Amino acid sequence: FSKVDVNGPNAHPVWKFLKSNQAVGTHDIGWNFDKFLVNKDGHVVKRVKGANKPFQLEKDILALLEESG
């Protein structure tokens, strides 16, 4: 619950992990509202840029919930 770096050499490990998946792109986070969808196995499956609305992940979230069945 503290301020952390999200880019660069001092980036927090959580942000390094989220950006490490080639499928979602490894670009720096330019806006603090980027969203990452992580499946039940801990794999990042999608990244949505900050300007997009959370509801744009609805279909992907529902599909992952069905897989979890």
PDB file of N, CA and C in Angstrom:
ATOM      1  N   PHE A   1       0.816  -1.194   0.000  1.00  0.00           N
ATOM      2  CA  PHE A   1       0.000   0.000   0.000  1.00  0.00           C
ATOM      3  C   PHE A   1       0.856   1.252   0.000  1.00  0.00           C
ATOM      4  N   SER A   2       1.896   1.205  -0.775  1.00  0.00           N
ATOM      5  CA  SER A   2       2.752   2.377  -0.880  1.00  0.00           C
ATOM      6  C   SER A   2       3.007   2.669  -2.349  1.00  0.00           C
ATOM      7  N   LYS A   3       3.522   3.832  -2.597  1.00  0.00           N
ATOM      8  CA  LYS A   3       3.840   4.220  -3.959  1.00  0.00           C
ATOM      9  C   LYS A   3       5.031   3.385  -4.439  1.00  0.00           C
ATOM     10  N   VAL A   4       4.910   2.835  -5.647  1.00  0.00           N
ATOM     11  CA  VAL A   4       5.992   2.027  -6.213  1.00  0.00           C
ATOM     12  C   VAL A   4       6.221   2.442  -7.662  1.00  0.00           C
ATOM     13  N   ASP A   5       7.391   2.115  -8.167  1.00  0.00           N
ATOM     14  CA  ASP A   5       7.687   2.348  -9.581  1.00  0.00           C
ATOM     15  C   ASP A   5       7.036   1.247 -10.402  1.00  0.00           C
ATOM     16  N   VAL A   6       6.501   1.622 -11.562  1.00  0.00           N
ATOM     17  CA  VAL A   6       5.908   0.622 -12.449  1.00  0.00           C
ATOM     18  C   VAL A   6       6.762   0.393 -13.692  1.00  0.00           C
ATOM     19  N   ASN A   7       7.678   1.276 -13.970  1.00  0.00           N
ATOM     20  CA  ASN A   7       8.574   1.178 -15.118  1.00  0.00           C
ATOM     21  C   ASN A   7      10.014   1.365 -14.665  1.00  0.00           C
ATOM     22  N   GLY A   8      10.918   0.958 -15.521  1.00  0.00           N
ATOM     23  CA  GLY A   8      12.331   1.184 -15.255  1.00  0.00           C
ATOM     24  C   GLY A   8      12.967   0.120 -14.382  1.00  0.00           C
ATOM     25  N   PRO A   9      14.237   0.329 -14.042  1.00  0.00           N
ATOM     26  CA  PRO A   9      14.994  -0.687 -13.304  1.00  0.00           C
ATOM     27  C   PRO A   9      14.495  -0.912 -11.882  1.00  0.00           C
ATOM     28  N   ASN A  10      13.788   0.042 -11.311  1.00  0.00           N
ATOM     29  CA  ASN A  10      13.283  -0.107  -9.942  1.00  0.00           C
ATOM     30  C   ASN A  10      11.807  -0.480  -9.900  1.00  0.00           C
ATOM     31  N   ALA A  11      11.282  -0.963 -11.025  1.00  0.00           N
ATOM     32  CA  ALA A  11       9.868  -1.336 -11.070  1.00  0.00           C
ATOM     33  C   ALA A  11       9.582  -2.442 -10.060  1.00  0.00           C
ATOM     34  N   HIS A  12       8.435  -2.344  -9.432  1.00  0.00           N
ATOM     35  CA  HIS A  12       8.000  -3.341  -8.460  1.00  0.00           C
ATOM     36  C   HIS A  12       7.833  -4.689  -9.176  1.00  0.00           C
ATOM     37  N   PRO A  13       8.150  -5.804  -8.503  1.00  0.00           N
ATOM     38  CA  PRO A  13       8.048  -7.124  -9.134  1.00  0.00           C
ATOM     39  C   PRO A  13       6.667  -7.441  -9.723  1.00  0.00           C
ATOM     40  N   VAL A  14       5.607  -6.982  -9.108  1.00  0.00           N
ATOM     41  CA  VAL A  14       4.269  -7.227  -9.659  1.00  0.00           C
ATOM     42  C   VAL A  14       4.150  -6.624 -11.045  1.00  0.00           C
ATOM     43  N   TRP A  15       4.636  -5.407 -11.215  1.00  0.00           N
ATOM     44  CA  TRP A  15       4.537  -4.742 -12.513  1.00  0.00           C
ATOM     45  C   TRP A  15       5.482  -5.380 -13.519  1.00  0.00           C
ATOM     46  N   LYS A  16       6.638  -5.819 -13.077  1.00  0.00           N
ATOM     47  CA  LYS A  16       7.551  -6.534 -13.981  1.00  0.00           C
ATOM     48  C   LYS A  16       6.875  -7.806 -14.494  1.00  0.00           C
ATOM     49  N   PHE A  17       6.211  -8.533 -13.596  1.00  0.00           N
ATOM     50  CA  PHE A  17       5.514  -9.762 -13.974  1.00  0.00           C
ATOM     51  C   PHE A  17       4.408  -9.464 -14.977  1.00  0.00           C
ATOM     52  N   LEU A  18       3.575  -8.470 -14.692  1.00  0.00           N
ATOM     53  CA  LEU A  18       2.451  -8.160 -15.575  1.00  0.00           C
ATOM     54  C   LEU A  18       2.919  -7.775 -16.967  1.00  0.00           C
ATOM     55  N   LYS A  19       4.055  -7.099 -17.058  1.00  0.00           N
ATOM     56  CA  LYS A  19       4.564  -6.663 -18.356  1.00  0.00           C
ATOM     57  C   LYS A  19       5.419  -7.716 -19.046  1.00  0.00           C
ATOM     58  N   SER A  20       5.712  -8.824 -18.384  1.00  0.00           N
ATOM     59  CA  SER A  20       6.650  -9.812 -18.923  1.00  0.00           C
ATOM     60  C   SER A  20       6.053 -10.708 -19.993  1.00  0.00           C
ATOM     61  N   ASN A  21       4.748 -10.808 -20.088  1.00  0.00           N
ATOM     62  CA  ASN A  21       4.095 -11.710 -21.038  1.00  0.00           C
ATOM     63  C   ASN A  21       4.085 -11.092 -22.424  1.00  0.00           C
ATOM     64  N   GLN A  22       4.730 -11.736 -23.373  1.00  0.00           N
ATOM     65  CA  GLN A  22       4.812 -11.227 -24.744  1.00  0.00           C
ATOM     66  C   GLN A  22       3.434 -11.064 -25.390  1.00  0.00           C
ATOM     67  N   ALA A  23       2.481 -11.896 -24.984  1.00  0.00           N
ATOM     68  CA  ALA A  23       1.156 -11.842 -25.589  1.00  0.00           C
ATOM     69  C   ALA A  23       0.440 -10.527 -25.313  1.00  0.00           C
ATOM     70  N   VAL A  24       0.758  -9.899 -24.209  1.00  0.00           N
ATOM     71  CA  VAL A  24       0.084  -8.642 -23.871  1.00  0.00           C
ATOM     72  C   VAL A  24       0.962  -7.428 -24.120  1.00  0.00           C
ATOM     73  N   GLY A  25       2.163  -7.642 -24.560  1.00  0.00           N
ATOM     74  CA  GLY A  25       3.062  -6.521 -24.840  1.00  0.00           C
ATOM     75  C   GLY A  25       3.918  -6.185 -23.639  1.00  0.00           C
ATOM     76  N   THR A  26       5.127  -5.802 -23.906  1.00  0.00           N
ATOM     77  CA  THR A  26       6.071  -5.511 -22.829  1.00  0.00           C
ATOM     78  C   THR A  26       6.337  -4.023 -22.692  1.00  0.00           C
ATOM     79  N   HIS A  27       5.517  -3.220 -23.329  1.00  0.00           N
ATOM     80  CA  HIS A  27       5.732  -1.776 -23.296  1.00  0.00           C
ATOM     81  C   HIS A  27       5.545  -1.231 -21.882  1.00  0.00           C
ATOM     82  N   ASP A  28       6.230  -0.141 -21.624  1.00  0.00           N
ATOM     83  CA  ASP A  28       6.064   0.517 -20.338  1.00  0.00           C
ATOM     84  C   ASP A  28       4.612   0.923 -20.135  1.00  0.00           C
ATOM     85  N   ILE A  29       4.239   1.010 -18.888  1.00  0.00           N
ATOM     86  CA  ILE A  29       2.906   1.468 -18.548  1.00  0.00           C
ATOM     87  C   ILE A  29       2.932   2.990 -18.570  1.00  0.00           C
ATOM     88  N   GLY A  30       2.119   3.561 -19.436  1.00  0.00           N
ATOM     89  CA  GLY A  30       2.119   5.004 -19.585  1.00  0.00           C
ATOM     90  C   GLY A  30       1.012   5.688 -18.819  1.00  0.00           C
ATOM     91  N   TRP A  31       0.091   4.904 -18.296  1.00  0.00           N
ATOM     92  CA  TRP A  31      -1.066   5.487 -17.615  1.00  0.00           C
ATOM     93  C   TRP A  31      -1.435   4.552 -16.478  1.00  0.00           C
ATOM     94  N   ASN A  32      -1.768   5.092 -15.326  1.00  0.00           N
ATOM     95  CA  ASN A  32      -1.967   4.251 -14.154  1.00  0.00           C
ATOM     96  C   ASN A  32      -3.285   3.481 -14.138  1.00  0.00           C
ATOM     97  N   PHE A  33      -4.070   3.551 -15.198  1.00  0.00           N
ATOM     98  CA  PHE A  33      -5.304   2.791 -15.231  1.00  0.00           C
ATOM     99  C   PHE A  33      -5.264   1.634 -16.221  1.00  0.00           C
ATOM    100  N   ASP A  34      -4.066   1.234 -16.679  1.00  0.00           N
ATOM    101  CA  ASP A  34      -3.962   0.039 -17.510  1.00  0.00           C
ATOM    102  C   ASP A  34      -4.520  -1.138 -16.713  1.00  0.00           C
ATOM    103  N   LYS A  35      -5.185  -2.044 -17.414  1.00  0.00           N
ATOM    104  CA  LYS A  35      -5.791  -3.193 -16.754  1.00  0.00           C
ATOM    105  C   LYS A  35      -5.173  -4.476 -17.293  1.00  0.00           C
ATOM    106  N   PHE A  36      -4.969  -5.441 -16.421  1.00  0.00           N
ATOM    107  CA  PHE A  36      -4.407  -6.725 -16.807  1.00  0.00           C
ATOM    108  C   PHE A  36      -5.364  -7.815 -16.360  1.00  0.00           C
ATOM    109  N   LEU A  37      -5.636  -8.761 -17.262  1.00  0.00           N
ATOM    110  CA  LEU A  37      -6.478  -9.894 -16.930  1.00  0.00           C
ATOM    111  C   LEU A  37      -5.574 -11.099 -16.739  1.00  0.00           C
ATOM    112  N   VAL A  38      -5.682 -11.723 -15.562  1.00  0.00           N
ATOM    113  CA  VAL A  38      -4.841 -12.855 -15.191  1.00  0.00           C
ATOM    114  C   VAL A  38      -5.756 -14.063 -14.973  1.00  0.00           C
ATOM    115  N   ASN A  39      -5.393 -15.209 -15.581  1.00  0.00           N
ATOM    116  CA  ASN A  39      -6.243 -16.391 -15.425  1.00  0.00           C
ATOM    117  C   ASN A  39      -5.974 -17.101 -14.105  1.00  0.00           C
ATOM    118  N   LYS A  40      -6.713 -18.174 -13.857  1.00  0.00           N
ATOM    119  CA  LYS A  40      -6.612 -18.889 -12.577  1.00  0.00           C
ATOM    120  C   LYS A  40      -5.239 -19.509 -12.349  1.00  0.00           C
ATOM    121  N   ASP A  41      -4.476 -19.714 -13.438  1.00  0.00           N
ATOM    122  CA  ASP A  41      -3.136 -20.284 -13.315  1.00  0.00           C
ATOM    123  C   ASP A  41      -2.056 -19.215 -13.151  1.00  0.00           C
ATOM    124  N   GLY A  42      -2.486 -17.962 -13.083  1.00  0.00           N
ATOM    125  CA  GLY A  42      -1.535 -16.872 -12.874  1.00  0.00           C
ATOM    126  C   GLY A  42      -0.892 -16.343 -14.138  1.00  0.00           C
ATOM    127  N   HIS A  43      -1.451 -16.685 -15.301  1.00  0.00           N
ATOM    128  CA  HIS A  43      -0.899 -16.191 -16.561  1.00  0.00           C
ATOM    129  C   HIS A  43      -1.647 -14.937 -17.008  1.00  0.00           C
ATOM    130  N   VAL A  44      -0.895 -13.951 -17.415  1.00  0.00           N
ATOM    131  CA  VAL A  44      -1.497 -12.740 -17.946  1.00  0.00           C
ATOM    132  C   VAL A  44      -2.036 -13.053 -19.333  1.00  0.00           C
ATOM    133  N   VAL A  45      -3.334 -12.860 -19.535  1.00  0.00           N
ATOM    134  CA  VAL A  45      -3.938 -13.208 -20.815  1.00  0.00           C
ATOM    135  C   VAL A  45      -4.359 -11.999 -21.639  1.00  0.00           C
ATOM    136  N   LYS A  46      -4.456 -10.841 -21.011  1.00  0.00           N
ATOM    137  CA  LYS A  46      -4.857  -9.655 -21.755  1.00  0.00           C
ATOM    138  C   LYS A  46      -4.458  -8.391 -21.013  1.00  0.00           C
ATOM    139  N   ARG A  47      -4.159  -7.384 -21.810  1.00  0.00           N
ATOM    140  CA  ARG A  47      -3.863  -6.058 -21.262  1.00  0.00           C
ATOM    141  C   ARG A  47      -4.727  -5.049 -22.002  1.00  0.00           C
ATOM    142  N   VAL A  48      -5.356  -4.167 -21.256  1.00  0.00           N
ATOM    143  CA  VAL A  48      -6.200  -3.133 -21.837  1.00  0.00           C
ATOM    144  C   VAL A  48      -5.644  -1.786 -21.386  1.00  0.00           C
ATOM    145  N   LYS A  49      -5.419  -0.921 -22.341  1.00  0.00           N
ATOM    146  CA  LYS A  49      -4.858   0.396 -22.032  1.00  0.00           C
ATOM    147  C   LYS A  49      -5.822   1.209 -21.165  1.00  0.00           C
ATOM    148  N   GLY A  50      -5.268   2.133 -20.421  1.00  0.00           N
ATOM    149  CA  GLY A  50      -6.012   2.916 -19.444  1.00  0.00           C
ATOM    150  C   GLY A  50      -7.216   3.664 -19.964  1.00  0.00           C
ATOM    151  N   ALA A  51      -7.176   4.114 -21.206  1.00  0.00           N
ATOM    152  CA  ALA A  51      -8.288   4.891 -21.744  1.00  0.00           C
ATOM    153  C   ALA A  51      -9.523   4.034 -21.996  1.00  0.00           C
ATOM    154  N   ASN A  52      -9.362   2.726 -22.057  1.00  0.00           N
ATOM    155  CA  ASN A  52     -10.489   1.826 -22.286  1.00  0.00           C
ATOM    156  C   ASN A  52     -11.254   1.590 -20.994  1.00  0.00           C
ATOM    157  N   LYS A  53     -12.517   1.304 -21.124  1.00  0.00           N
ATOM    158  CA  LYS A  53     -13.390   1.075 -19.972  1.00  0.00           C
ATOM    159  C   LYS A  53     -13.296  -0.369 -19.499  1.00  0.00           C
ATOM    160  N   PRO A  54     -13.440  -0.601 -18.184  1.00  0.00           N
ATOM    161  CA  PRO A  54     -13.355  -1.963 -17.651  1.00  0.00           C
ATOM    162  C   PRO A  54     -14.339  -2.939 -18.291  1.00  0.00           C
ATOM    163  N   PHE A  55     -15.531  -2.468 -18.685  1.00  0.00           N
ATOM    164  CA  PHE A  55     -16.518  -3.386 -19.267  1.00  0.00           C
ATOM    165  C   PHE A  55     -16.017  -4.020 -20.560  1.00  0.00           C
ATOM    166  N   GLN A  56     -14.971  -3.467 -21.168  1.00  0.00           N
ATOM    167  CA  GLN A  56     -14.429  -4.045 -22.390  1.00  0.00           C
ATOM    168  C   GLN A  56     -13.772  -5.406 -22.132  1.00  0.00           C
ATOM    169  N   LEU A  57     -13.556  -5.736 -20.877  1.00  0.00           N
ATOM    170  CA  LEU A  57     -12.995  -7.037 -20.507  1.00  0.00           C
ATOM    171  C   LEU A  57     -14.082  -8.068 -20.192  1.00  0.00           C
ATOM    172  N   GLU A  58     -15.334  -7.661 -20.229  1.00  0.00           N
ATOM    173  CA  GLU A  58     -16.422  -8.528 -19.785  1.00  0.00           C
ATOM    174  C   GLU A  58     -16.426  -9.882 -20.490  1.00  0.00           C
ATOM    175  N   LYS A  59     -16.357  -9.904 -21.809  1.00  0.00           N
ATOM    176  CA  LYS A  59     -16.389 -11.173 -22.551  1.00  0.00           C
ATOM    177  C   LYS A  59     -15.212 -12.065 -22.164  1.00  0.00           C
ATOM    178  N   ASP A  60     -14.032 -11.454 -22.008  1.00  0.00           N
ATOM    179  CA  ASP A  60     -12.844 -12.230 -21.639  1.00  0.00           C
ATOM    180  C   ASP A  60     -12.961 -12.782 -20.224  1.00  0.00           C
ATOM    181  N   ILE A  61     -13.512 -11.996 -19.312  1.00  0.00           N
ATOM    182  CA  ILE A  61     -13.693 -12.454 -17.938  1.00  0.00           C
ATOM    183  C   ILE A  61     -14.693 -13.609 -17.890  1.00  0.00           C
ATOM    184  N   LEU A  62     -15.804 -13.461 -18.601  1.00  0.00           N
ATOM    185  CA  LEU A  62     -16.807 -14.526 -18.635  1.00  0.00           C
ATOM    186  C   LEU A  62     -16.240 -15.808 -19.226  1.00  0.00           C
ATOM    187  N   ALA A  63     -15.422 -15.685 -20.272  1.00  0.00           N
ATOM    188  CA  ALA A  63     -14.810 -16.867 -20.879  1.00  0.00           C
ATOM    189  C   ALA A  63     -13.872 -17.559 -19.897  1.00  0.00           C
ATOM    190  N   LEU A  64     -13.107 -16.791 -19.146  1.00  0.00           N
ATOM    191  CA  LEU A  64     -12.209 -17.389 -18.157  1.00  0.00           C
ATOM    192  C   LEU A  64     -12.986 -18.052 -17.031  1.00  0.00           C
ATOM    193  N   LEU A  65     -14.092 -17.454 -16.636  1.00  0.00           N
ATOM    194  CA  LEU A  65     -14.926 -18.063 -15.585  1.00  0.00           C
ATOM    195  C   LEU A  65     -15.531 -19.373 -16.061  1.00  0.00           C
ATOM    196  N   GLU A  66     -15.908 -19.451 -17.325  1.00  0.00           N
ATOM    197  CA  GLU A  66     -16.454 -20.696 -17.867  1.00  0.00           C
ATOM    198  C   GLU A  66     -15.398 -21.792 -17.908  1.00  0.00           C
ATOM    199  N   GLU A  67     -14.159 -21.408 -18.229  1.00  0.00           N
ATOM    200  CA  GLU A  67     -13.046 -22.379 -18.241  1.00  0.00           C
ATOM    201  C   GLU A  67     -12.810 -22.932 -16.855  1.00  0.00           C
ATOM    202  N   SER A  68     -13.002 -22.102 -15.827  1.00  0.00           N
ATOM    203  CA  SER A  68     -12.758 -22.502 -14.451  1.00  0.00           C
ATOM    204  C   SER A  68     -13.791 -23.503 -13.959  1.00  0.00           C
ATOM    205  N   GLY A  69     -14.998 -23.417 -14.573  1.00  0.00           N
ATOM    206  CA  GLY A  69     -16.159 -24.241 -14.256  1.00  0.00           C
ATOM    207  C   GLY A  69     -16.008 -25.158 -13.182  1.00  0.00           C
TER     208      GLY A  69
END
